[in-house]
Amino acid sequence: MSTAAAPVRSGAVLADLLPAARHRYAVDAALVLGGAALTGMAAQIAVPVPGSPVPVTGQTFAALLIGTALGARRGFLSLALYALVGMAGMPWFAEASSGWSMPSLGYVFGMLLAATVVGALARRGGDRSVLRTAGTMVLGSAIIYAIGVPYLALSTGMSLSAAIAAGLVPFLIGDALKAALAMGLLPTTWKLLGRRG
C-alpha cells in the first residue's frame, strides 16, 4: 500500500496536504487550536515602540501565516479563538496582556479579518509565487492597519494623524521584513512539497 499523498486539487492550502481523510474534524480542530496558540506565543515576541502604546510583535506575522497555511475558514476560527480567549482573560495578547480595554485590540480584530482574506487568497494561489505572496501579505497588513489604527485613535482620543504616526509608521519597516520572510517561506514550501495545486 502506497503512503504517497494524492496530488492536491487546485484551490488547496498547505493544511490540506495533511493526510487526514477519516479524521478531518479532529485535524481541523487541532489546526485551529494550534493556530491560536502560535499567535499567542508570537505575541510575546514584543518590542516597545517609544511614543506608541502598540509594540512591535510577532503576532501579525503569525496571523498572516496561519491564514495562508490554513485557509479562510480555519484561519478565521484560529484568530477568533485567539481573540475571544484573550478578551476573556488569557494573557496571550502582546506583552502578556488580555481583556477588552487595550488600545491595541483593534489590531487583533484586524488580524482576524486579515487571516480570513489571506486564507481566501491562498486558495486562489496567493502564496505560490514570490510576487503573489508579496501582494497577499501587503493586503493582509493593510487590513490590520485599516482596523487597528482607527481603533487606536478612538480608544486613546488621539487624532487620526497621531494614531497613524504612533500605530502605523513605526511598523512599516518591520512589516516589509515580515513580508520578505513570507515571500521566501511560503513559495519555497510549495516547491519543496512539489505541489503547485
N, C-alpha and C. Protein backbone atom coordinates (compact mmCIF):
# COMPACT_ATOMS: atom_id res chain seq x y z
N MET A 1 0.84 -1.18 0.00
CA MET A 1 0.00 0.00 0.00
C MET A 1 0.89 1.24 0.00
N SER A 2 0.62 2.16 -0.89
CA SER A 2 1.42 3.37 -1.00
C SER A 2 0.99 4.40 0.03
N THR A 3 1.97 5.11 0.59
CA THR A 3 1.65 6.17 1.54
C THR A 3 1.78 7.54 0.91
N ALA A 4 2.07 7.59 -0.38
CA ALA A 4 2.22 8.88 -1.05
C ALA A 4 0.87 9.59 -1.11
N ALA A 5 0.93 10.88 -0.91
CA ALA A 5 -0.31 11.68 -0.96
C ALA A 5 -0.75 11.84 -2.40
N ALA A 6 -2.05 11.90 -2.58
CA ALA A 6 -2.60 12.16 -3.90
C ALA A 6 -2.31 13.60 -4.28
N PRO A 7 -2.22 13.90 -5.58
CA PRO A 7 -1.98 15.28 -5.98
C PRO A 7 -3.06 16.21 -5.41
N VAL A 8 -2.63 17.37 -5.03
CA VAL A 8 -3.55 18.34 -4.42
C VAL A 8 -4.35 19.03 -5.51
N ARG A 9 -5.65 19.12 -5.31
CA ARG A 9 -6.51 19.78 -6.28
C ARG A 9 -6.25 21.29 -6.25
N SER A 10 -6.61 21.92 -7.30
CA SER A 10 -6.49 23.37 -7.35
C SER A 10 -7.34 23.97 -6.24
N GLY A 11 -6.84 25.02 -5.63
CA GLY A 11 -7.57 25.64 -4.54
C GLY A 11 -7.17 25.12 -3.18
N ALA A 12 -6.12 24.33 -3.10
CA ALA A 12 -5.67 23.80 -1.81
C ALA A 12 -4.79 24.82 -1.09
N VAL A 13 -4.76 24.71 0.23
CA VAL A 13 -3.81 25.45 1.05
C VAL A 13 -2.89 24.41 1.69
N LEU A 14 -1.83 24.87 2.32
CA LEU A 14 -0.85 23.94 2.87
C LEU A 14 -1.47 22.94 3.84
N ALA A 15 -2.41 23.36 4.67
CA ALA A 15 -3.03 22.45 5.64
C ALA A 15 -3.79 21.31 4.95
N ASP A 16 -4.22 21.52 3.72
CA ASP A 16 -4.95 20.47 3.01
C ASP A 16 -4.05 19.31 2.61
N LEU A 17 -2.75 19.47 2.74
CA LEU A 17 -1.82 18.40 2.39
C LEU A 17 -1.69 17.36 3.50
N LEU A 18 -2.22 17.67 4.68
CA LEU A 18 -2.14 16.71 5.78
C LEU A 18 -3.03 15.51 5.48
N PRO A 19 -2.49 14.30 5.66
CA PRO A 19 -3.31 13.10 5.42
C PRO A 19 -4.26 12.86 6.58
N ALA A 20 -5.53 13.19 6.38
CA ALA A 20 -6.48 13.05 7.48
C ALA A 20 -7.90 12.85 6.99
N ALA A 21 -8.08 12.12 5.93
CA ALA A 21 -9.41 11.98 5.34
C ALA A 21 -10.44 11.46 6.35
N ARG A 22 -10.07 10.47 7.18
CA ARG A 22 -11.04 9.89 8.12
C ARG A 22 -11.17 10.69 9.41
N HIS A 23 -10.23 11.58 9.68
CA HIS A 23 -10.23 12.32 10.94
C HIS A 23 -10.18 13.82 10.68
N ARG A 24 -10.85 14.27 9.63
CA ARG A 24 -10.76 15.67 9.22
C ARG A 24 -11.16 16.64 10.32
N TYR A 25 -12.25 16.36 11.04
CA TYR A 25 -12.70 17.31 12.06
C TYR A 25 -11.70 17.41 13.20
N ALA A 26 -11.11 16.29 13.59
CA ALA A 26 -10.10 16.31 14.66
C ALA A 26 -8.86 17.08 14.21
N VAL A 27 -8.45 16.87 12.97
CA VAL A 27 -7.29 17.58 12.44
C VAL A 27 -7.59 19.08 12.34
N ASP A 28 -8.77 19.43 11.83
CA ASP A 28 -9.15 20.84 11.74
C ASP A 28 -9.16 21.49 13.12
N ALA A 29 -9.71 20.79 14.11
CA ALA A 29 -9.74 21.35 15.47
C ALA A 29 -8.32 21.55 15.99
N ALA A 30 -7.44 20.59 15.75
CA ALA A 30 -6.05 20.72 16.20
C ALA A 30 -5.37 21.88 15.49
N LEU A 31 -5.63 22.06 14.20
CA LEU A 31 -5.03 23.17 13.46
C LEU A 31 -5.53 24.51 13.99
N VAL A 32 -6.82 24.60 14.27
CA VAL A 32 -7.39 25.85 14.81
C VAL A 32 -6.78 26.16 16.17
N LEU A 33 -6.74 25.17 17.06
CA LEU A 33 -6.15 25.38 18.38
C LEU A 33 -4.67 25.73 18.26
N GLY A 34 -3.96 25.01 17.40
CA GLY A 34 -2.54 25.29 17.20
C GLY A 34 -2.29 26.68 16.64
N GLY A 35 -3.15 27.12 15.73
CA GLY A 35 -3.01 28.46 15.17
C GLY A 35 -3.22 29.53 16.21
N ALA A 36 -4.21 29.34 17.08
CA ALA A 36 -4.45 30.30 18.16
C ALA A 36 -3.27 30.33 19.12
N ALA A 37 -2.76 29.16 19.48
CA ALA A 37 -1.63 29.08 20.41
C ALA A 37 -0.38 29.69 19.80
N LEU A 38 -0.14 29.43 18.53
CA LEU A 38 1.04 30.01 17.86
C LEU A 38 0.95 31.53 17.84
N THR A 39 -0.23 32.06 17.58
CA THR A 39 -0.41 33.51 17.59
C THR A 39 -0.14 34.07 18.98
N GLY A 40 -0.64 33.38 20.01
CA GLY A 40 -0.40 33.81 21.38
C GLY A 40 1.08 33.78 21.75
N MET A 41 1.78 32.76 21.29
CA MET A 41 3.23 32.70 21.57
C MET A 41 3.98 33.79 20.81
N ALA A 42 3.60 33.99 19.56
CA ALA A 42 4.28 35.01 18.74
C ALA A 42 4.03 36.41 19.29
N ALA A 43 2.89 36.61 19.95
CA ALA A 43 2.59 37.92 20.53
C ALA A 43 3.55 38.27 21.66
N GLN A 44 4.16 37.26 22.25
CA GLN A 44 5.09 37.51 23.36
C GLN A 44 6.46 37.97 22.87
N ILE A 45 6.69 37.86 21.57
CA ILE A 45 7.89 38.46 20.97
C ILE A 45 7.50 39.92 20.73
N ALA A 46 7.78 40.77 21.69
CA ALA A 46 7.30 42.15 21.65
C ALA A 46 8.43 43.12 21.98
N VAL A 47 8.51 44.16 21.19
CA VAL A 47 9.49 45.23 21.40
C VAL A 47 8.72 46.54 21.52
N PRO A 48 8.80 47.22 22.66
CA PRO A 48 8.10 48.50 22.81
C PRO A 48 8.58 49.53 21.80
N VAL A 49 7.66 50.36 21.35
CA VAL A 49 7.97 51.45 20.42
C VAL A 49 7.83 52.75 21.20
N PRO A 50 8.91 53.53 21.33
CA PRO A 50 8.81 54.79 22.07
C PRO A 50 7.71 55.69 21.50
N GLY A 51 6.85 56.19 22.37
CA GLY A 51 5.78 57.08 21.96
C GLY A 51 4.55 56.39 21.43
N SER A 52 4.52 55.04 21.47
CA SER A 52 3.36 54.32 20.95
C SER A 52 2.89 53.30 21.98
N PRO A 53 1.58 53.18 22.15
CA PRO A 53 1.06 52.14 23.05
C PRO A 53 1.04 50.76 22.39
N VAL A 54 1.49 50.68 21.14
CA VAL A 54 1.46 49.43 20.39
C VAL A 54 2.91 48.96 20.18
N PRO A 55 3.26 47.76 20.67
CA PRO A 55 4.61 47.26 20.45
C PRO A 55 4.75 46.55 19.10
N VAL A 56 5.96 46.39 18.65
CA VAL A 56 6.25 45.52 17.50
C VAL A 56 6.18 44.09 18.03
N THR A 57 5.41 43.24 17.38
CA THR A 57 5.27 41.86 17.85
C THR A 57 5.38 40.88 16.69
N GLY A 58 5.41 39.62 17.04
CA GLY A 58 5.38 38.56 16.04
C GLY A 58 3.99 38.09 15.71
N GLN A 59 2.97 38.62 16.41
CA GLN A 59 1.63 38.08 16.21
C GLN A 59 1.05 38.41 14.84
N THR A 60 1.38 39.56 14.27
CA THR A 60 0.83 39.87 12.94
C THR A 60 1.39 38.89 11.90
N PHE A 61 2.67 38.60 12.00
CA PHE A 61 3.29 37.63 11.08
C PHE A 61 2.64 36.26 11.25
N ALA A 62 2.46 35.85 12.51
CA ALA A 62 1.82 34.56 12.77
C ALA A 62 0.40 34.52 12.21
N ALA A 63 -0.35 35.59 12.42
CA ALA A 63 -1.74 35.62 11.94
C ALA A 63 -1.82 35.49 10.43
N LEU A 64 -0.92 36.17 9.73
CA LEU A 64 -0.93 36.10 8.26
C LEU A 64 -0.47 34.73 7.77
N LEU A 65 0.53 34.15 8.41
CA LEU A 65 0.96 32.80 8.03
C LEU A 65 -0.13 31.77 8.31
N ILE A 66 -0.81 31.91 9.44
CA ILE A 66 -1.89 30.99 9.78
C ILE A 66 -3.01 31.09 8.75
N GLY A 67 -3.36 32.29 8.37
CA GLY A 67 -4.40 32.45 7.35
C GLY A 67 -4.02 31.79 6.04
N THR A 68 -2.79 32.02 5.58
CA THR A 68 -2.40 31.44 4.30
C THR A 68 -2.23 29.93 4.39
N ALA A 69 -1.71 29.42 5.49
CA ALA A 69 -1.48 27.98 5.61
C ALA A 69 -2.75 27.20 5.87
N LEU A 70 -3.68 27.78 6.63
CA LEU A 70 -4.89 27.05 7.00
C LEU A 70 -6.08 27.33 6.10
N GLY A 71 -6.07 28.43 5.38
CA GLY A 71 -7.22 28.81 4.57
C GLY A 71 -8.15 29.72 5.36
N ALA A 72 -9.14 30.27 4.67
CA ALA A 72 -10.01 31.29 5.25
C ALA A 72 -10.79 30.79 6.46
N ARG A 73 -11.43 29.65 6.35
CA ARG A 73 -12.30 29.17 7.43
C ARG A 73 -11.49 28.84 8.69
N ARG A 74 -10.47 28.00 8.53
CA ARG A 74 -9.67 27.62 9.71
C ARG A 74 -8.87 28.81 10.22
N GLY A 75 -8.39 29.68 9.32
CA GLY A 75 -7.68 30.88 9.75
C GLY A 75 -8.58 31.79 10.56
N PHE A 76 -9.82 31.99 10.09
CA PHE A 76 -10.78 32.79 10.84
C PHE A 76 -11.03 32.19 12.22
N LEU A 77 -11.26 30.88 12.28
CA LEU A 77 -11.55 30.24 13.55
C LEU A 77 -10.36 30.33 14.51
N SER A 78 -9.15 30.18 14.00
CA SER A 78 -7.96 30.29 14.85
C SER A 78 -7.85 31.68 15.46
N LEU A 79 -8.01 32.70 14.64
CA LEU A 79 -7.87 34.07 15.14
C LEU A 79 -9.07 34.48 15.98
N ALA A 80 -10.25 33.93 15.68
CA ALA A 80 -11.41 34.20 16.54
C ALA A 80 -11.20 33.59 17.91
N LEU A 81 -10.68 32.38 17.96
CA LEU A 81 -10.39 31.73 19.24
C LEU A 81 -9.34 32.54 20.01
N TYR A 82 -8.28 32.94 19.31
CA TYR A 82 -7.24 33.77 19.93
C TYR A 82 -7.84 35.04 20.53
N ALA A 83 -8.67 35.74 19.76
CA ALA A 83 -9.27 36.99 20.22
C ALA A 83 -10.21 36.76 21.40
N LEU A 84 -11.10 35.79 21.29
CA LEU A 84 -12.10 35.56 22.34
C LEU A 84 -11.46 35.12 23.66
N VAL A 85 -10.50 34.21 23.57
CA VAL A 85 -9.85 33.73 24.79
C VAL A 85 -9.02 34.85 25.42
N GLY A 86 -8.36 35.66 24.59
CA GLY A 86 -7.60 36.79 25.12
C GLY A 86 -8.49 37.83 25.76
N MET A 87 -9.63 38.12 25.14
CA MET A 87 -10.55 39.09 25.74
C MET A 87 -11.18 38.55 27.02
N ALA A 88 -11.28 37.22 27.13
CA ALA A 88 -11.84 36.60 28.33
C ALA A 88 -10.84 36.56 29.48
N GLY A 89 -9.57 36.89 29.21
CA GLY A 89 -8.61 36.95 30.31
C GLY A 89 -7.32 36.18 30.14
N MET A 90 -7.20 35.36 29.11
CA MET A 90 -5.94 34.64 28.89
C MET A 90 -4.86 35.65 28.51
N PRO A 91 -3.75 35.71 29.24
CA PRO A 91 -2.74 36.74 28.98
C PRO A 91 -1.84 36.39 27.80
N TRP A 92 -2.42 36.32 26.62
CA TRP A 92 -1.59 35.97 25.46
C TRP A 92 -1.65 36.98 24.33
N PHE A 93 -2.20 38.17 24.61
CA PHE A 93 -2.01 39.28 23.68
C PHE A 93 -0.59 39.81 23.89
N ALA A 94 -0.21 40.81 23.13
CA ALA A 94 1.15 41.35 23.21
C ALA A 94 1.52 41.70 24.65
N GLU A 95 2.72 41.35 25.01
CA GLU A 95 3.28 41.63 26.33
C GLU A 95 2.43 41.02 27.45
N ALA A 96 1.90 39.84 27.23
CA ALA A 96 1.11 39.08 28.21
C ALA A 96 -0.10 39.86 28.71
N SER A 97 -0.72 40.64 27.85
CA SER A 97 -1.91 41.39 28.23
C SER A 97 -3.16 40.61 27.82
N SER A 98 -4.29 41.06 28.30
CA SER A 98 -5.57 40.43 27.96
C SER A 98 -6.67 41.45 28.21
N GLY A 99 -7.89 41.09 27.85
CA GLY A 99 -9.05 41.92 28.15
C GLY A 99 -9.56 42.73 26.97
N TRP A 100 -10.49 43.62 27.29
CA TRP A 100 -11.18 44.42 26.30
C TRP A 100 -10.65 45.84 26.17
N SER A 101 -9.91 46.31 27.16
CA SER A 101 -9.63 47.74 27.24
C SER A 101 -8.30 48.17 26.63
N MET A 102 -7.62 47.30 25.93
CA MET A 102 -6.32 47.66 25.36
C MET A 102 -6.49 48.54 24.12
N PRO A 103 -5.67 49.56 23.97
CA PRO A 103 -5.75 50.38 22.76
C PRO A 103 -5.33 49.63 21.50
N SER A 104 -4.64 48.50 21.67
CA SER A 104 -4.19 47.72 20.51
C SER A 104 -5.16 46.60 20.13
N LEU A 105 -6.32 46.52 20.79
CA LEU A 105 -7.27 45.44 20.48
C LEU A 105 -7.77 45.51 19.04
N GLY A 106 -7.83 46.70 18.47
CA GLY A 106 -8.25 46.82 17.08
C GLY A 106 -7.35 46.06 16.12
N TYR A 107 -6.07 45.97 16.45
CA TYR A 107 -5.14 45.20 15.61
C TYR A 107 -5.49 43.72 15.66
N VAL A 108 -5.93 43.24 16.82
CA VAL A 108 -6.35 41.84 16.95
C VAL A 108 -7.56 41.59 16.06
N PHE A 109 -8.53 42.52 16.08
CA PHE A 109 -9.69 42.38 15.20
C PHE A 109 -9.27 42.43 13.73
N GLY A 110 -8.30 43.30 13.43
CA GLY A 110 -7.78 43.38 12.07
C GLY A 110 -7.12 42.08 11.64
N MET A 111 -6.40 41.44 12.57
CA MET A 111 -5.76 40.16 12.26
C MET A 111 -6.78 39.08 11.95
N LEU A 112 -7.90 39.12 12.64
CA LEU A 112 -8.98 38.17 12.41
C LEU A 112 -9.49 38.29 10.97
N LEU A 113 -9.76 39.50 10.54
CA LEU A 113 -10.21 39.72 9.17
C LEU A 113 -9.10 39.42 8.16
N ALA A 114 -7.88 39.85 8.48
CA ALA A 114 -6.76 39.64 7.56
C ALA A 114 -6.48 38.15 7.34
N ALA A 115 -6.52 37.36 8.41
CA ALA A 115 -6.28 35.92 8.26
C ALA A 115 -7.32 35.29 7.35
N THR A 116 -8.55 35.77 7.44
CA THR A 116 -9.62 35.25 6.58
C THR A 116 -9.38 35.61 5.12
N VAL A 117 -9.02 36.86 4.88
CA VAL A 117 -8.79 37.32 3.50
C VAL A 117 -7.57 36.65 2.88
N VAL A 118 -6.45 36.60 3.61
CA VAL A 118 -5.26 35.98 3.02
C VAL A 118 -5.47 34.48 2.84
N GLY A 119 -6.29 33.88 3.71
CA GLY A 119 -6.63 32.47 3.52
C GLY A 119 -7.41 32.23 2.24
N ALA A 120 -8.34 33.14 1.95
CA ALA A 120 -9.10 33.04 0.70
C ALA A 120 -8.18 33.24 -0.51
N LEU A 121 -7.26 34.18 -0.39
CA LEU A 121 -6.30 34.41 -1.48
C LEU A 121 -5.37 33.22 -1.68
N ALA A 122 -4.97 32.58 -0.58
CA ALA A 122 -4.10 31.40 -0.68
C ALA A 122 -4.80 30.28 -1.45
N ARG A 123 -6.10 30.14 -1.27
CA ARG A 123 -6.86 29.12 -2.03
C ARG A 123 -6.85 29.43 -3.52
N ARG A 124 -6.56 30.67 -3.87
CA ARG A 124 -6.50 31.07 -5.28
C ARG A 124 -5.05 31.20 -5.75
N GLY A 125 -4.12 30.63 -4.98
CA GLY A 125 -2.71 30.65 -5.37
C GLY A 125 -1.93 31.85 -4.89
N GLY A 126 -2.47 32.60 -3.93
CA GLY A 126 -1.81 33.81 -3.45
C GLY A 126 -0.54 33.58 -2.65
N ASP A 127 -0.19 32.32 -2.41
CA ASP A 127 1.04 32.01 -1.67
C ASP A 127 1.98 31.12 -2.48
N ARG A 128 1.77 31.03 -3.78
CA ARG A 128 2.55 30.09 -4.58
C ARG A 128 3.78 30.70 -5.25
N SER A 129 3.81 32.01 -5.40
CA SER A 129 4.98 32.67 -6.01
C SER A 129 5.38 33.85 -5.13
N VAL A 130 6.59 34.33 -5.37
CA VAL A 130 7.11 35.45 -4.57
C VAL A 130 6.22 36.68 -4.74
N LEU A 131 5.89 37.03 -5.98
CA LEU A 131 5.09 38.24 -6.20
C LEU A 131 3.68 38.12 -5.64
N ARG A 132 3.06 36.98 -5.82
CA ARG A 132 1.71 36.79 -5.28
C ARG A 132 1.72 36.82 -3.76
N THR A 133 2.74 36.19 -3.17
CA THR A 133 2.85 36.21 -1.71
C THR A 133 3.05 37.63 -1.21
N ALA A 134 3.86 38.41 -1.92
CA ALA A 134 4.08 39.81 -1.52
C ALA A 134 2.75 40.56 -1.52
N GLY A 135 1.98 40.41 -2.58
CA GLY A 135 0.69 41.08 -2.65
C GLY A 135 -0.26 40.63 -1.56
N THR A 136 -0.27 39.33 -1.28
CA THR A 136 -1.13 38.78 -0.24
C THR A 136 -0.76 39.36 1.13
N MET A 137 0.54 39.40 1.43
CA MET A 137 0.99 39.91 2.73
C MET A 137 0.74 41.42 2.86
N VAL A 138 0.96 42.16 1.79
CA VAL A 138 0.71 43.60 1.83
C VAL A 138 -0.77 43.87 2.08
N LEU A 139 -1.64 43.14 1.39
CA LEU A 139 -3.08 43.32 1.60
C LEU A 139 -3.46 42.95 3.03
N GLY A 140 -2.94 41.83 3.53
CA GLY A 140 -3.23 41.43 4.91
C GLY A 140 -2.79 42.48 5.91
N SER A 141 -1.59 43.02 5.73
CA SER A 141 -1.10 44.06 6.64
C SER A 141 -1.98 45.32 6.55
N ALA A 142 -2.39 45.68 5.34
CA ALA A 142 -3.24 46.86 5.16
C ALA A 142 -4.57 46.69 5.89
N ILE A 143 -5.12 45.49 5.87
CA ILE A 143 -6.38 45.23 6.58
C ILE A 143 -6.18 45.39 8.08
N ILE A 144 -5.08 44.88 8.59
CA ILE A 144 -4.80 45.01 10.03
C ILE A 144 -4.74 46.48 10.42
N TYR A 145 -4.03 47.28 9.63
CA TYR A 145 -3.93 48.71 9.93
C TYR A 145 -5.25 49.43 9.74
N ALA A 146 -6.02 49.04 8.74
CA ALA A 146 -7.29 49.71 8.47
C ALA A 146 -8.26 49.60 9.64
N ILE A 147 -8.13 48.55 10.44
CA ILE A 147 -8.97 48.39 11.62
C ILE A 147 -8.22 48.86 12.88
N GLY A 148 -6.94 48.51 12.98
CA GLY A 148 -6.17 48.82 14.18
C GLY A 148 -5.94 50.29 14.43
N VAL A 149 -5.60 51.05 13.38
CA VAL A 149 -5.28 52.47 13.57
C VAL A 149 -6.51 53.29 13.98
N PRO A 150 -7.64 53.17 13.32
CA PRO A 150 -8.82 53.92 13.79
C PRO A 150 -9.25 53.52 15.21
N TYR A 151 -9.13 52.22 15.52
CA TYR A 151 -9.46 51.76 16.88
C TYR A 151 -8.53 52.41 17.89
N LEU A 152 -7.24 52.48 17.55
CA LEU A 152 -6.26 53.12 18.42
C LEU A 152 -6.64 54.58 18.65
N ALA A 153 -7.02 55.28 17.59
CA ALA A 153 -7.41 56.68 17.72
C ALA A 153 -8.63 56.83 18.63
N LEU A 154 -9.65 56.00 18.41
CA LEU A 154 -10.87 56.08 19.21
C LEU A 154 -10.63 55.73 20.67
N SER A 155 -9.82 54.69 20.90
CA SER A 155 -9.65 54.22 22.28
C SER A 155 -8.72 55.11 23.10
N THR A 156 -7.88 55.90 22.45
CA THR A 156 -6.94 56.75 23.19
C THR A 156 -7.29 58.23 23.10
N GLY A 157 -8.21 58.60 22.20
CA GLY A 157 -8.53 60.01 22.00
C GLY A 157 -7.54 60.72 21.11
N MET A 158 -6.65 59.97 20.46
CA MET A 158 -5.69 60.56 19.52
C MET A 158 -6.43 61.03 18.27
N SER A 159 -5.84 61.99 17.59
CA SER A 159 -6.33 62.32 16.25
C SER A 159 -5.92 61.17 15.33
N LEU A 160 -6.58 61.10 14.18
CA LEU A 160 -6.23 60.04 13.24
C LEU A 160 -4.79 60.17 12.79
N SER A 161 -4.31 61.40 12.55
CA SER A 161 -2.93 61.58 12.11
C SER A 161 -1.95 61.16 13.21
N ALA A 162 -2.28 61.42 14.47
CA ALA A 162 -1.42 60.97 15.57
C ALA A 162 -1.43 59.45 15.69
N ALA A 163 -2.59 58.83 15.47
CA ALA A 163 -2.68 57.38 15.52
C ALA A 163 -1.89 56.74 14.37
N ILE A 164 -1.91 57.37 13.21
CA ILE A 164 -1.10 56.87 12.08
C ILE A 164 0.39 56.97 12.43
N ALA A 165 0.78 58.09 13.04
CA ALA A 165 2.18 58.28 13.41
C ALA A 165 2.62 57.30 14.49
N ALA A 166 1.72 56.96 15.41
CA ALA A 166 2.08 56.07 16.52
C ALA A 166 1.78 54.60 16.24
N GLY A 167 0.79 54.33 15.38
CA GLY A 167 0.33 52.96 15.20
C GLY A 167 0.51 52.37 13.83
N LEU A 168 1.13 53.10 12.91
CA LEU A 168 1.37 52.57 11.57
C LEU A 168 2.81 52.83 11.13
N VAL A 169 3.22 54.08 11.11
CA VAL A 169 4.52 54.46 10.55
C VAL A 169 5.69 53.68 11.18
N PRO A 170 5.75 53.53 12.52
CA PRO A 170 6.91 52.83 13.09
C PRO A 170 7.00 51.35 12.73
N PHE A 171 5.93 50.81 12.15
CA PHE A 171 5.87 49.37 11.91
C PHE A 171 6.11 48.98 10.45
N LEU A 172 6.24 49.96 9.57
CA LEU A 172 6.32 49.66 8.14
C LEU A 172 7.59 48.89 7.77
N ILE A 173 8.72 49.24 8.36
CA ILE A 173 9.96 48.52 8.04
C ILE A 173 9.86 47.07 8.51
N GLY A 174 9.36 46.87 9.74
CA GLY A 174 9.19 45.51 10.24
C GLY A 174 8.23 44.70 9.40
N ASP A 175 7.16 45.34 8.94
CA ASP A 175 6.21 44.63 8.08
C ASP A 175 6.84 44.26 6.75
N ALA A 176 7.69 45.12 6.22
CA ALA A 176 8.39 44.79 4.98
C ALA A 176 9.29 43.58 5.19
N LEU A 177 9.96 43.51 6.32
CA LEU A 177 10.82 42.35 6.62
C LEU A 177 9.99 41.08 6.79
N LYS A 178 8.84 41.19 7.46
CA LYS A 178 7.96 40.03 7.63
C LYS A 178 7.43 39.55 6.27
N ALA A 179 7.07 40.51 5.41
CA ALA A 179 6.59 40.14 4.07
C ALA A 179 7.69 39.45 3.29
N ALA A 180 8.92 39.95 3.40
CA ALA A 180 10.05 39.33 2.69
C ALA A 180 10.27 37.90 3.18
N LEU A 181 10.15 37.70 4.49
CA LEU A 181 10.29 36.35 5.05
C LEU A 181 9.20 35.43 4.50
N ALA A 182 7.96 35.90 4.48
CA ALA A 182 6.85 35.11 3.94
C ALA A 182 7.05 34.84 2.46
N MET A 183 7.60 35.84 1.73
CA MET A 183 7.82 35.67 0.28
C MET A 183 8.82 34.56 0.01
N GLY A 184 9.72 34.33 0.93
CA GLY A 184 10.65 33.22 0.77
C GLY A 184 10.08 31.92 1.30
N LEU A 185 9.40 31.98 2.43
CA LEU A 185 8.94 30.79 3.12
C LEU A 185 7.81 30.05 2.40
N LEU A 186 6.75 30.76 2.05
CA LEU A 186 5.57 30.09 1.51
C LEU A 186 5.80 29.48 0.12
N PRO A 187 6.28 30.25 -0.86
CA PRO A 187 6.52 29.62 -2.17
C PRO A 187 7.54 28.49 -2.10
N THR A 188 8.55 28.64 -1.24
CA THR A 188 9.56 27.59 -1.10
C THR A 188 8.94 26.32 -0.53
N THR A 189 8.04 26.47 0.42
CA THR A 189 7.37 25.30 0.99
C THR A 189 6.60 24.56 -0.08
N TRP A 190 5.87 25.29 -0.93
CA TRP A 190 5.13 24.64 -2.02
C TRP A 190 6.09 23.93 -2.97
N LYS A 191 7.22 24.58 -3.29
CA LYS A 191 8.19 23.94 -4.20
C LYS A 191 8.76 22.67 -3.59
N LEU A 192 9.10 22.74 -2.30
CA LEU A 192 9.66 21.56 -1.64
C LEU A 192 8.66 20.41 -1.62
N LEU A 193 7.41 20.75 -1.49
CA LEU A 193 6.37 19.71 -1.48
C LEU A 193 6.05 19.23 -2.90
N GLY A 194 6.56 19.93 -3.89
CA GLY A 194 6.35 19.52 -5.27
C GLY A 194 4.93 19.63 -5.74
N ARG A 195 4.18 20.55 -5.13
CA ARG A 195 2.77 20.68 -5.48
C ARG A 195 2.47 22.14 -5.76
N ARG A 196 1.96 22.40 -6.91
CA ARG A 196 1.58 23.75 -7.30
C ARG A 196 0.08 23.95 -7.28
N GLY A 197 -0.70 22.90 -6.99
CA GLY A 197 -2.15 22.95 -6.84
C GLY A 197 -2.88 23.65 -7.88
